[in-house]
Every structure is written in C-alpha cells, then in structure tokens.
Amino acid sequence: MGRKDKVLNLRVSERQRSDYERAAALAGTTVSALVTAAADAQAREVLRANLTMAVPSDLFDELLAALDQPAPLAPPLEKALIEPRFQHR
C-alpha cells in the first residue's frame, strides 16, 4: 500500500468517538485503522454491487436482437450524411 498522506476529517458524536476508541483498543489497533478498514469494506461492497446489472435472460436476448437490427436513420439525418454540405472550389 502506498504512503498515506491524505487527511479525511469526520464529525462524529461523543458516543461514536468513544465506541471507536474502545473498539480500537480491544482490537489492538488505532482508531484511524479501525475506521478506514470499515470504510474500505463498505466502499468495496457498494462498488461491487454497482459494477454489474443483472437482467433476465429473455430481456438480454431482446437487447442483443435490437442491437443487431438498428433503427433506420431519420430522413434529415440520412440526407445530411449522403449529400455534401460544402463544395470544394
């Protein structure tokens, strides 16, 4: 792990601070290590839960079929792609 040189200030209640200090002492670690370990675990879980999206297989098949058959271009867009807008002189 790289050098930790960034500071993150947190506002906590007196109860939270007391709980964190007691838990860190029991675990034989620092409050900073205790809090960052818990935050790291929560962050990994949130990121993991949002990396993928599950869809039913029939919906996925419909999506793939739709991608294989793109909608036709709107006439003005098709015209703009076909006809040159500027002519070289």
PDB file of N, CA and C in Angstrom:
ATOM      1  N   MET A   1       0.840  -1.173   0.000  1.00  0.00           N
ATOM      2  CA  MET A   1       0.000   0.000   0.000  1.00  0.00           C
ATOM      3  C   MET A   1       0.882   1.231   0.000  1.00  0.00           C
ATOM      4  N   GLY A   2       0.454   2.263  -0.727  1.00  0.00           N
ATOM      5  CA  GLY A   2       1.221   3.488  -0.825  1.00  0.00           C
ATOM      6  C   GLY A   2       1.182   4.298   0.462  1.00  0.00           C
ATOM      7  N   ARG A   3       1.987   5.315   0.469  1.00  0.00           N
ATOM      8  CA  ARG A   3       2.074   6.208   1.618  1.00  0.00           C
ATOM      9  C   ARG A   3       0.748   6.920   1.822  1.00  0.00           C
ATOM     10  N   LYS A   4       0.304   6.970   3.047  1.00  0.00           N
ATOM     11  CA  LYS A   4      -0.957   7.635   3.375  1.00  0.00           C
ATOM     12  C   LYS A   4      -0.645   9.067   3.782  1.00  0.00           C
ATOM     13  N   ASP A   5      -0.914  10.007   2.872  1.00  0.00           N
ATOM     14  CA  ASP A   5      -0.628  11.398   3.176  1.00  0.00           C
ATOM     15  C   ASP A   5      -1.844  12.302   3.001  1.00  0.00           C
ATOM     16  N   LYS A   6      -3.003  11.725   2.789  1.00  0.00           N
ATOM     17  CA  LYS A   6      -4.243  12.484   2.655  1.00  0.00           C
ATOM     18  C   LYS A   6      -4.993  12.438   3.976  1.00  0.00           C
ATOM     19  N   VAL A   7      -5.648  13.544   4.311  1.00  0.00           N
ATOM     20  CA  VAL A   7      -6.384  13.647   5.564  1.00  0.00           C
ATOM     21  C   VAL A   7      -7.872  13.720   5.253  1.00  0.00           C
ATOM     22  N   LEU A   8      -8.662  12.975   6.025  1.00  0.00           N
ATOM     23  CA  LEU A   8     -10.115  12.998   5.906  1.00  0.00           C
ATOM     24  C   LEU A   8     -10.669  13.303   7.290  1.00  0.00           C
ATOM     25  N   ASN A   9     -11.253  14.464   7.436  1.00  0.00           N
ATOM     26  CA  ASN A   9     -11.826  14.850   8.724  1.00  0.00           C
ATOM     27  C   ASN A   9     -13.272  14.395   8.797  1.00  0.00           C
ATOM     28  N   LEU A  10     -13.650  13.835   9.927  1.00  0.00           N
ATOM     29  CA  LEU A  10     -15.010  13.358  10.129  1.00  0.00           C
ATOM     30  C   LEU A  10     -15.605  13.991  11.376  1.00  0.00           C
ATOM     31  N   ARG A  11     -16.868  14.285  11.323  1.00  0.00           N
ATOM     32  CA  ARG A  11     -17.580  14.751  12.509  1.00  0.00           C
ATOM     33  C   ARG A  11     -18.348  13.560  13.060  1.00  0.00           C
ATOM     34  N   VAL A  12     -18.118  13.262  14.333  1.00  0.00           N
ATOM     35  CA  VAL A  12     -18.786  12.143  14.984  1.00  0.00           C
ATOM     36  C   VAL A  12     -19.335  12.603  16.327  1.00  0.00           C
ATOM     37  N   SER A  13     -20.291  11.843  16.815  1.00  0.00           N
ATOM     38  CA  SER A  13     -20.838  12.152  18.136  1.00  0.00           C
ATOM     39  C   SER A  13     -19.869  11.669  19.215  1.00  0.00           C
ATOM     40  N   GLU A  14     -20.108  12.103  20.434  1.00  0.00           N
ATOM     41  CA  GLU A  14     -19.279  11.655  21.555  1.00  0.00           C
ATOM     42  C   GLU A  14     -19.372  10.144  21.711  1.00  0.00           C
ATOM     43  N   ARG A  15     -20.584   9.595  21.527  1.00  0.00           N
ATOM     44  CA  ARG A  15     -20.770   8.147  21.635  1.00  0.00           C
ATOM     45  C   ARG A  15     -19.973   7.421  20.568  1.00  0.00           C
ATOM     46  N   GLN A  16     -20.033   7.906  19.334  1.00  0.00           N
ATOM     47  CA  GLN A  16     -19.285   7.264  18.256  1.00  0.00           C
ATOM     48  C   GLN A  16     -17.787   7.278  18.544  1.00  0.00           C
ATOM     49  N   ARG A  17     -17.283   8.431  18.939  1.00  0.00           N
ATOM     50  CA  ARG A  17     -15.844   8.526  19.220  1.00  0.00           C
ATOM     51  C   ARG A  17     -15.448   7.561  20.328  1.00  0.00           C
ATOM     52  N   SER A  18     -16.255   7.503  21.375  1.00  0.00           N
ATOM     53  CA  SER A  18     -15.968   6.599  22.492  1.00  0.00           C
ATOM     54  C   SER A  18     -15.994   5.140  22.029  1.00  0.00           C
ATOM     55  N   ASP A  19     -17.012   4.794  21.257  1.00  0.00           N
ATOM     56  CA  ASP A  19     -17.107   3.419  20.739  1.00  0.00           C
ATOM     57  C   ASP A  19     -15.910   3.075  19.867  1.00  0.00           C
ATOM     58  N   TYR A  20     -15.517   3.979  18.989  1.00  0.00           N
ATOM     59  CA  TYR A  20     -14.389   3.723  18.094  1.00  0.00           C
ATOM     60  C   TYR A  20     -13.099   3.551  18.889  1.00  0.00           C
ATOM     61  N   GLU A  21     -12.901   4.398  19.885  1.00  0.00           N
ATOM     62  CA  GLU A  21     -11.691   4.307  20.697  1.00  0.00           C
ATOM     63  C   GLU A  21     -11.655   2.995  21.489  1.00  0.00           C
ATOM     64  N   ARG A  22     -12.787   2.615  22.066  1.00  0.00           N
ATOM     65  CA  ARG A  22     -12.847   1.363  22.824  1.00  0.00           C
ATOM     66  C   ARG A  22     -12.626   0.161  21.907  1.00  0.00           C
ATOM     67  N   ALA A  23     -13.276   0.167  20.759  1.00  0.00           N
ATOM     68  CA  ALA A  23     -13.133  -0.948  19.817  1.00  0.00           C
ATOM     69  C   ALA A  23     -11.698  -1.049  19.306  1.00  0.00           C
ATOM     70  N   ALA A  24     -11.089   0.094  18.997  1.00  0.00           N
ATOM     71  CA  ALA A  24      -9.711   0.086  18.512  1.00  0.00           C
ATOM     72  C   ALA A  24      -8.776  -0.463  19.584  1.00  0.00           C
ATOM     73  N   ALA A  25      -8.989  -0.076  20.827  1.00  0.00           N
ATOM     74  CA  ALA A  25      -8.150  -0.562  21.926  1.00  0.00           C
ATOM     75  C   ALA A  25      -8.291  -2.078  22.074  1.00  0.00           C
ATOM     76  N   LEU A  26      -9.524  -2.562  21.994  1.00  0.00           N
ATOM     77  CA  LEU A  26      -9.752  -4.008  22.102  1.00  0.00           C
ATOM     78  C   LEU A  26      -9.131  -4.771  20.943  1.00  0.00           C
ATOM     79  N   ALA A  27      -9.151  -4.161  19.761  1.00  0.00           N
ATOM     80  CA  ALA A  27      -8.587  -4.809  18.574  1.00  0.00           C
ATOM     81  C   ALA A  27      -7.075  -4.627  18.496  1.00  0.00           C
ATOM     82  N   GLY A  28      -6.522  -3.791  19.358  1.00  0.00           N
ATOM     83  CA  GLY A  28      -5.079  -3.556  19.326  1.00  0.00           C
ATOM     84  C   GLY A  28      -4.642  -2.762  18.117  1.00  0.00           C
ATOM     85  N   THR A  29      -5.470  -1.811  17.709  1.00  0.00           N
ATOM     86  CA  THR A  29      -5.156  -1.000  16.537  1.00  0.00           C
ATOM     87  C   THR A  29      -5.472   0.458  16.840  1.00  0.00           C
ATOM     88  N   THR A  30      -5.320   1.290  15.845  1.00  0.00           N
ATOM     89  CA  THR A  30      -5.637   2.705  16.017  1.00  0.00           C
ATOM     90  C   THR A  30      -7.075   2.967  15.571  1.00  0.00           C
ATOM     91  N   VAL A  31      -7.614   4.082  16.045  1.00  0.00           N
ATOM     92  CA  VAL A  31      -8.959   4.477  15.603  1.00  0.00           C
ATOM     93  C   VAL A  31      -8.951   4.690  14.094  1.00  0.00           C
ATOM     94  N   SER A  32      -7.908   5.302  13.597  1.00  0.00           N
ATOM     95  CA  SER A  32      -7.802   5.551  12.155  1.00  0.00           C
ATOM     96  C   SER A  32      -7.840   4.239  11.374  1.00  0.00           C
ATOM     97  N   ALA A  33      -7.079   3.249  11.819  1.00  0.00           N
ATOM     98  CA  ALA A  33      -7.060   1.956  11.126  1.00  0.00           C
ATOM     99  C   ALA A  33      -8.413   1.263  11.221  1.00  0.00           C
ATOM    100  N   LEU A  34      -9.040   1.349  12.390  1.00  0.00           N
ATOM    101  CA  LEU A  34     -10.357   0.733  12.571  1.00  0.00           C
ATOM    102  C   LEU A  34     -11.390   1.357  11.633  1.00  0.00           C
ATOM    103  N   VAL A  35     -11.431   2.684  11.602  1.00  0.00           N
ATOM    104  CA  VAL A  35     -12.423   3.400  10.790  1.00  0.00           C
ATOM    105  C   VAL A  35     -12.155   3.207   9.302  1.00  0.00           C
ATOM    106  N   THR A  36     -10.898   3.293   8.890  1.00  0.00           N
ATOM    107  CA  THR A  36     -10.619   3.135   7.462  1.00  0.00           C
ATOM    108  C   THR A  36     -10.869   1.705   6.993  1.00  0.00           C
ATOM    109  N   ALA A  37     -10.619   0.717   7.841  1.00  0.00           N
ATOM    110  CA  ALA A  37     -10.912  -0.675   7.455  1.00  0.00           C
ATOM    111  C   ALA A  37     -12.407  -0.858   7.236  1.00  0.00           C
ATOM    112  N   ALA A  38     -13.213  -0.296   8.141  1.00  0.00           N
ATOM    113  CA  ALA A  38     -14.667  -0.402   7.986  1.00  0.00           C
ATOM    114  C   ALA A  38     -15.137   0.361   6.748  1.00  0.00           C
ATOM    115  N   ALA A  39     -14.593   1.544   6.524  1.00  0.00           N
ATOM    116  CA  ALA A  39     -14.973   2.333   5.343  1.00  0.00           C
ATOM    117  C   ALA A  39     -14.534   1.635   4.061  1.00  0.00           C
ATOM    118  N   ASP A  40     -13.341   1.038   4.068  1.00  0.00           N
ATOM    119  CA  ASP A  40     -12.858   0.301   2.892  1.00  0.00           C
ATOM    120  C   ASP A  40     -13.796  -0.854   2.553  1.00  0.00           C
ATOM    121  N   ALA A  41     -14.202  -1.612   3.569  1.00  0.00           N
ATOM    122  CA  ALA A  41     -15.095  -2.748   3.339  1.00  0.00           C
ATOM    123  C   ALA A  41     -16.426  -2.286   2.775  1.00  0.00           C
ATOM    124  N   GLN A  42     -16.971  -1.216   3.327  1.00  0.00           N
ATOM    125  CA  GLN A  42     -18.253  -0.695   2.843  1.00  0.00           C
ATOM    126  C   GLN A  42     -18.117  -0.156   1.425  1.00  0.00           C
ATOM    127  N   ALA A  43     -17.045   0.555   1.150  1.00  0.00           N
ATOM    128  CA  ALA A  43     -16.831   1.103  -0.194  1.00  0.00           C
ATOM    129  C   ALA A  43     -16.709  -0.015  -1.226  1.00  0.00           C
ATOM    130  N   ARG A  44     -15.940  -1.068  -0.903  1.00  0.00           N
ATOM    131  CA  ARG A  44     -15.808  -2.205  -1.833  1.00  0.00           C
ATOM    132  C   ARG A  44     -17.165  -2.834  -2.109  1.00  0.00           C
ATOM    133  N   GLU A  45     -17.983  -2.991  -1.067  1.00  0.00           N
ATOM    134  CA  GLU A  45     -19.306  -3.601  -1.236  1.00  0.00           C
ATOM    135  C   GLU A  45     -20.202  -2.743  -2.124  1.00  0.00           C
ATOM    136  N   VAL A  46     -20.222  -1.446  -1.889  1.00  0.00           N
ATOM    137  CA  VAL A  46     -21.045  -0.550  -2.710  1.00  0.00           C
ATOM    138  C   VAL A  46     -20.556  -0.564  -4.154  1.00  0.00           C
ATOM    139  N   LEU A  47     -19.253  -0.500  -4.353  1.00  0.00           N
ATOM    140  CA  LEU A  47     -18.706  -0.516  -5.717  1.00  0.00           C
ATOM    141  C   LEU A  47     -19.000  -1.841  -6.411  1.00  0.00           C
ATOM    142  N   ARG A  48     -18.823  -2.949  -5.699  1.00  0.00           N
ATOM    143  CA  ARG A  48     -19.096  -4.264  -6.275  1.00  0.00           C
ATOM    144  C   ARG A  48     -20.562  -4.383  -6.666  1.00  0.00           C
ATOM    145  N   ALA A  49     -21.450  -3.906  -5.824  1.00  0.00           N
ATOM    146  CA  ALA A  49     -22.885  -4.007  -6.089  1.00  0.00           C
ATOM    147  C   ALA A  49     -23.306  -3.169  -7.290  1.00  0.00           C
ATOM    148  N   ASN A  50     -22.505  -2.177  -7.648  1.00  0.00           N
ATOM    149  CA  ASN A  50     -22.876  -1.289  -8.739  1.00  0.00           C
ATOM    150  C   ASN A  50     -22.041  -1.475  -9.991  1.00  0.00           C
ATOM    151  N   LEU A  51     -21.195  -2.500 -10.020  1.00  0.00           N
ATOM    152  CA  LEU A  51     -20.370  -2.753 -11.197  1.00  0.00           C
ATOM    153  C   LEU A  51     -21.140  -3.463 -12.303  1.00  0.00           C
ATOM    154  N   THR A  52     -22.097  -4.264 -11.925  1.00  0.00           N
ATOM    155  CA  THR A  52     -22.825  -5.047 -12.914  1.00  0.00           C
ATOM    156  C   THR A  52     -24.320  -4.850 -12.732  1.00  0.00           C
ATOM    157  N   MET A  53     -25.052  -5.232 -13.740  1.00  0.00           N
ATOM    158  CA  MET A  53     -26.501  -5.167 -13.679  1.00  0.00           C
ATOM    159  C   MET A  53     -27.034  -6.504 -14.193  1.00  0.00           C
ATOM    160  N   ALA A  54     -27.821  -7.153 -13.376  1.00  0.00           N
ATOM    161  CA  ALA A  54     -28.399  -8.435 -13.777  1.00  0.00           C
ATOM    162  C   ALA A  54     -29.763  -8.197 -14.416  1.00  0.00           C
ATOM    163  N   VAL A  55     -29.977  -8.832 -15.550  1.00  0.00           N
ATOM    164  CA  VAL A  55     -31.276  -8.761 -16.222  1.00  0.00           C
ATOM    165  C   VAL A  55     -31.698 -10.174 -16.587  1.00  0.00           C
ATOM    166  N   PRO A  56     -32.995 -10.409 -16.666  1.00  0.00           N
ATOM    167  CA  PRO A  56     -33.457 -11.738 -17.086  1.00  0.00           C
ATOM    168  C   PRO A  56     -32.928 -12.075 -18.479  1.00  0.00           C
ATOM    169  N   SER A  57     -32.678 -13.351 -18.718  1.00  0.00           N
ATOM    170  CA  SER A  57     -32.064 -13.764 -19.983  1.00  0.00           C
ATOM    171  C   SER A  57     -32.919 -13.389 -21.190  1.00  0.00           C
ATOM    172  N   ASP A  58     -34.259 -13.444 -21.075  1.00  0.00           N
ATOM    173  CA  ASP A  58     -35.091 -13.084 -22.225  1.00  0.00           C
ATOM    174  C   ASP A  58     -34.953 -11.605 -22.564  1.00  0.00           C
ATOM    175  N   LEU A  59     -34.838 -10.746 -21.559  1.00  0.00           N
ATOM    176  CA  LEU A  59     -34.642  -9.320 -21.804  1.00  0.00           C
ATOM    177  C   LEU A  59     -33.275  -9.067 -22.432  1.00  0.00           C
ATOM    178  N   PHE A  60     -32.267  -9.789 -21.974  1.00  0.00           N
ATOM    179  CA  PHE A  60     -30.925  -9.657 -22.549  1.00  0.00           C
ATOM    180  C   PHE A  60     -30.945 -10.082 -24.019  1.00  0.00           C
ATOM    181  N   ASP A  61     -31.641 -11.167 -24.323  1.00  0.00           N
ATOM    182  CA  ASP A  61     -31.746 -11.625 -25.708  1.00  0.00           C
ATOM    183  C   ASP A  61     -32.438 -10.582 -26.578  1.00  0.00           C
ATOM    184  N   GLU A  62     -33.476  -9.938 -26.033  1.00  0.00           N
ATOM    185  CA  GLU A  62     -34.166  -8.873 -26.780  1.00  0.00           C
ATOM    186  C   GLU A  62     -33.233  -7.698 -27.036  1.00  0.00           C
ATOM    187  N   LEU A  63     -32.433  -7.348 -26.035  1.00  0.00           N
ATOM    188  CA  LEU A  63     -31.478  -6.254 -26.195  1.00  0.00           C
ATOM    189  C   LEU A  63     -30.477  -6.574 -27.292  1.00  0.00           C
ATOM    190  N   LEU A  64     -29.920  -7.774 -27.279  1.00  0.00           N
ATOM    191  CA  LEU A  64     -28.966  -8.153 -28.324  1.00  0.00           C
ATOM    192  C   LEU A  64     -29.602  -8.140 -29.704  1.00  0.00           C
ATOM    193  N   ALA A  65     -30.839  -8.613 -29.802  1.00  0.00           N
ATOM    194  CA  ALA A  65     -31.544  -8.607 -31.091  1.00  0.00           C
ATOM    195  C   ALA A  65     -31.757  -7.179 -31.567  1.00  0.00           C
ATOM    196  N   ALA A  66     -32.118  -6.284 -30.657  1.00  0.00           N
ATOM    197  CA  ALA A  66     -32.327  -4.886 -31.032  1.00  0.00           C
ATOM    198  C   ALA A  66     -31.025  -4.245 -31.501  1.00  0.00           C
ATOM    199  N   LEU A  67     -29.922  -4.583 -30.865  1.00  0.00           N
ATOM    200  CA  LEU A  67     -28.635  -4.036 -31.288  1.00  0.00           C
ATOM    201  C   LEU A  67     -28.220  -4.561 -32.652  1.00  0.00           C
ATOM    202  N   ASP A  68     -28.635  -5.781 -32.987  1.00  0.00           N
ATOM    203  CA  ASP A  68     -28.331  -6.349 -34.299  1.00  0.00           C
ATOM    204  C   ASP A  68     -29.184  -5.727 -35.400  1.00  0.00           C
ATOM    205  N   GLN A  69     -30.304  -5.124 -35.047  1.00  0.00           N
ATOM    206  CA  GLN A  69     -31.217  -4.502 -36.017  1.00  0.00           C
ATOM    207  C   GLN A  69     -31.415  -3.025 -35.647  1.00  0.00           C
ATOM    208  N   PRO A  70     -30.431  -2.185 -35.907  1.00  0.00           N
ATOM    209  CA  PRO A  70     -30.577  -0.780 -35.520  1.00  0.00           C
ATOM    210  C   PRO A  70     -31.735  -0.118 -36.254  1.00  0.00           C
ATOM    211  N   ALA A  71     -32.315   0.857 -35.609  1.00  0.00           N
ATOM    212  CA  ALA A  71     -33.431   1.605 -36.204  1.00  0.00           C
ATOM    213  C   ALA A  71     -32.924   2.382 -37.413  1.00  0.00           C
ATOM    214  N   PRO A  72     -33.800   2.596 -38.396  1.00  0.00           N
ATOM    215  CA  PRO A  72     -33.372   3.381 -39.565  1.00  0.00           C
ATOM    216  C   PRO A  72     -33.113   4.829 -39.163  1.00  0.00           C
ATOM    217  N   LEU A  73     -32.246   5.477 -39.936  1.00  0.00           N
ATOM    218  CA  LEU A  73     -31.938   6.872 -39.667  1.00  0.00           C
ATOM    219  C   LEU A  73     -33.141   7.758 -39.988  1.00  0.00           C
ATOM    220  N   ALA A  74     -33.292   8.815 -39.243  1.00  0.00           N
ATOM    221  CA  ALA A  74     -34.323   9.808 -39.551  1.00  0.00           C
ATOM    222  C   ALA A  74     -33.956  10.436 -40.895  1.00  0.00           C
ATOM    223  N   PRO A  75     -34.954  10.706 -41.741  1.00  0.00           N
ATOM    224  CA  PRO A  75     -34.664  11.242 -43.093  1.00  0.00           C
ATOM    225  C   PRO A  75     -33.737  12.459 -43.115  1.00  0.00           C
ATOM    226  N   PRO A  76     -33.910  13.461 -42.242  1.00  0.00           N
ATOM    227  CA  PRO A  76     -32.975  14.594 -42.299  1.00  0.00           C
ATOM    228  C   PRO A  76     -31.530  14.192 -41.987  1.00  0.00           C
ATOM    229  N   LEU A  77     -31.353  13.264 -41.079  1.00  0.00           N
ATOM    230  CA  LEU A  77     -30.011  12.819 -40.759  1.00  0.00           C
ATOM    231  C   LEU A  77     -29.417  12.024 -41.913  1.00  0.00           C
ATOM    232  N   GLU A  78     -30.214  11.157 -42.497  1.00  0.00           N
ATOM    233  CA  GLU A  78     -29.737  10.376 -43.644  1.00  0.00           C
ATOM    234  C   GLU A  78     -29.344  11.303 -44.791  1.00  0.00           C
ATOM    235  N   LYS A  79     -30.163  12.323 -45.051  1.00  0.00           N
ATOM    236  CA  LYS A  79     -29.876  13.286 -46.115  1.00  0.00           C
ATOM    237  C   LYS A  79     -28.561  14.022 -45.823  1.00  0.00           C
ATOM    238  N   ALA A  80     -28.367  14.426 -44.578  1.00  0.00           N
ATOM    239  CA  ALA A  80     -27.152  15.150 -44.210  1.00  0.00           C
ATOM    240  C   ALA A  80     -25.915  14.278 -44.380  1.00  0.00           C
ATOM    241  N   LEU A  81     -26.046  12.986 -44.167  1.00  0.00           N
ATOM    242  CA  LEU A  81     -24.908  12.095 -44.319  1.00  0.00           C
ATOM    243  C   LEU A  81     -24.587  11.803 -45.775  1.00  0.00           C
ATOM    244  N   ILE A  82     -25.596  11.849 -46.619  1.00  0.00           N
ATOM    245  CA  ILE A  82     -25.407  11.494 -48.029  1.00  0.00           C
ATOM    246  C   ILE A  82     -24.984  12.699 -48.870  1.00  0.00           C
ATOM    247  N   GLU A  83     -25.662  13.823 -48.693  1.00  0.00           N
ATOM    248  CA  GLU A  83     -25.403  14.990 -49.513  1.00  0.00           C
ATOM    249  C   GLU A  83     -24.302  15.852 -48.910  1.00  0.00           C
ATOM    250  N   PRO A  84     -23.315  16.214 -49.721  1.00  0.00           N
ATOM    251  CA  PRO A  84     -22.258  17.081 -49.189  1.00  0.00           C
ATOM    252  C   PRO A  84     -22.802  18.461 -48.865  1.00  0.00           C
ATOM    253  N   ARG A  85     -22.400  18.987 -47.756  1.00  0.00           N
ATOM    254  CA  ARG A  85     -22.885  20.299 -47.336  1.00  0.00           C
ATOM    255  C   ARG A  85     -22.008  21.418 -47.927  1.00  0.00           C
ATOM    256  N   PHE A  86     -20.740  21.136 -48.083  1.00  0.00           N
ATOM    257  CA  PHE A  86     -19.812  22.135 -48.615  1.00  0.00           C
ATOM    258  C   PHE A  86     -19.172  21.565 -49.865  1.00  0.00           C
ATOM    259  N   GLN A  87     -18.921  22.440 -50.810  1.00  0.00           N
ATOM    260  CA  GLN A  87     -18.258  22.024 -52.032  1.00  0.00           C
ATOM    261  C   GLN A  87     -16.880  22.658 -52.076  1.00  0.00           C
ATOM    262  N   HIS A  88     -15.922  21.873 -52.563  1.00  0.00           N
ATOM    263  CA  HIS A  88     -14.567  22.404 -52.714  1.00  0.00           C
ATOM    264  C   HIS A  88     -14.537  23.268 -53.941  1.00  0.00           C
ATOM    265  N   ARG A  89     -13.822  24.395 -53.878  1.00  0.00           N
ATOM    266  CA  ARG A  89     -13.709  25.286 -55.040  1.00  0.00           C
ATOM    267  C   ARG A  89     -12.365  25.176 -55.679  1.00  0.00           C
TER     268      ARG A  89
END
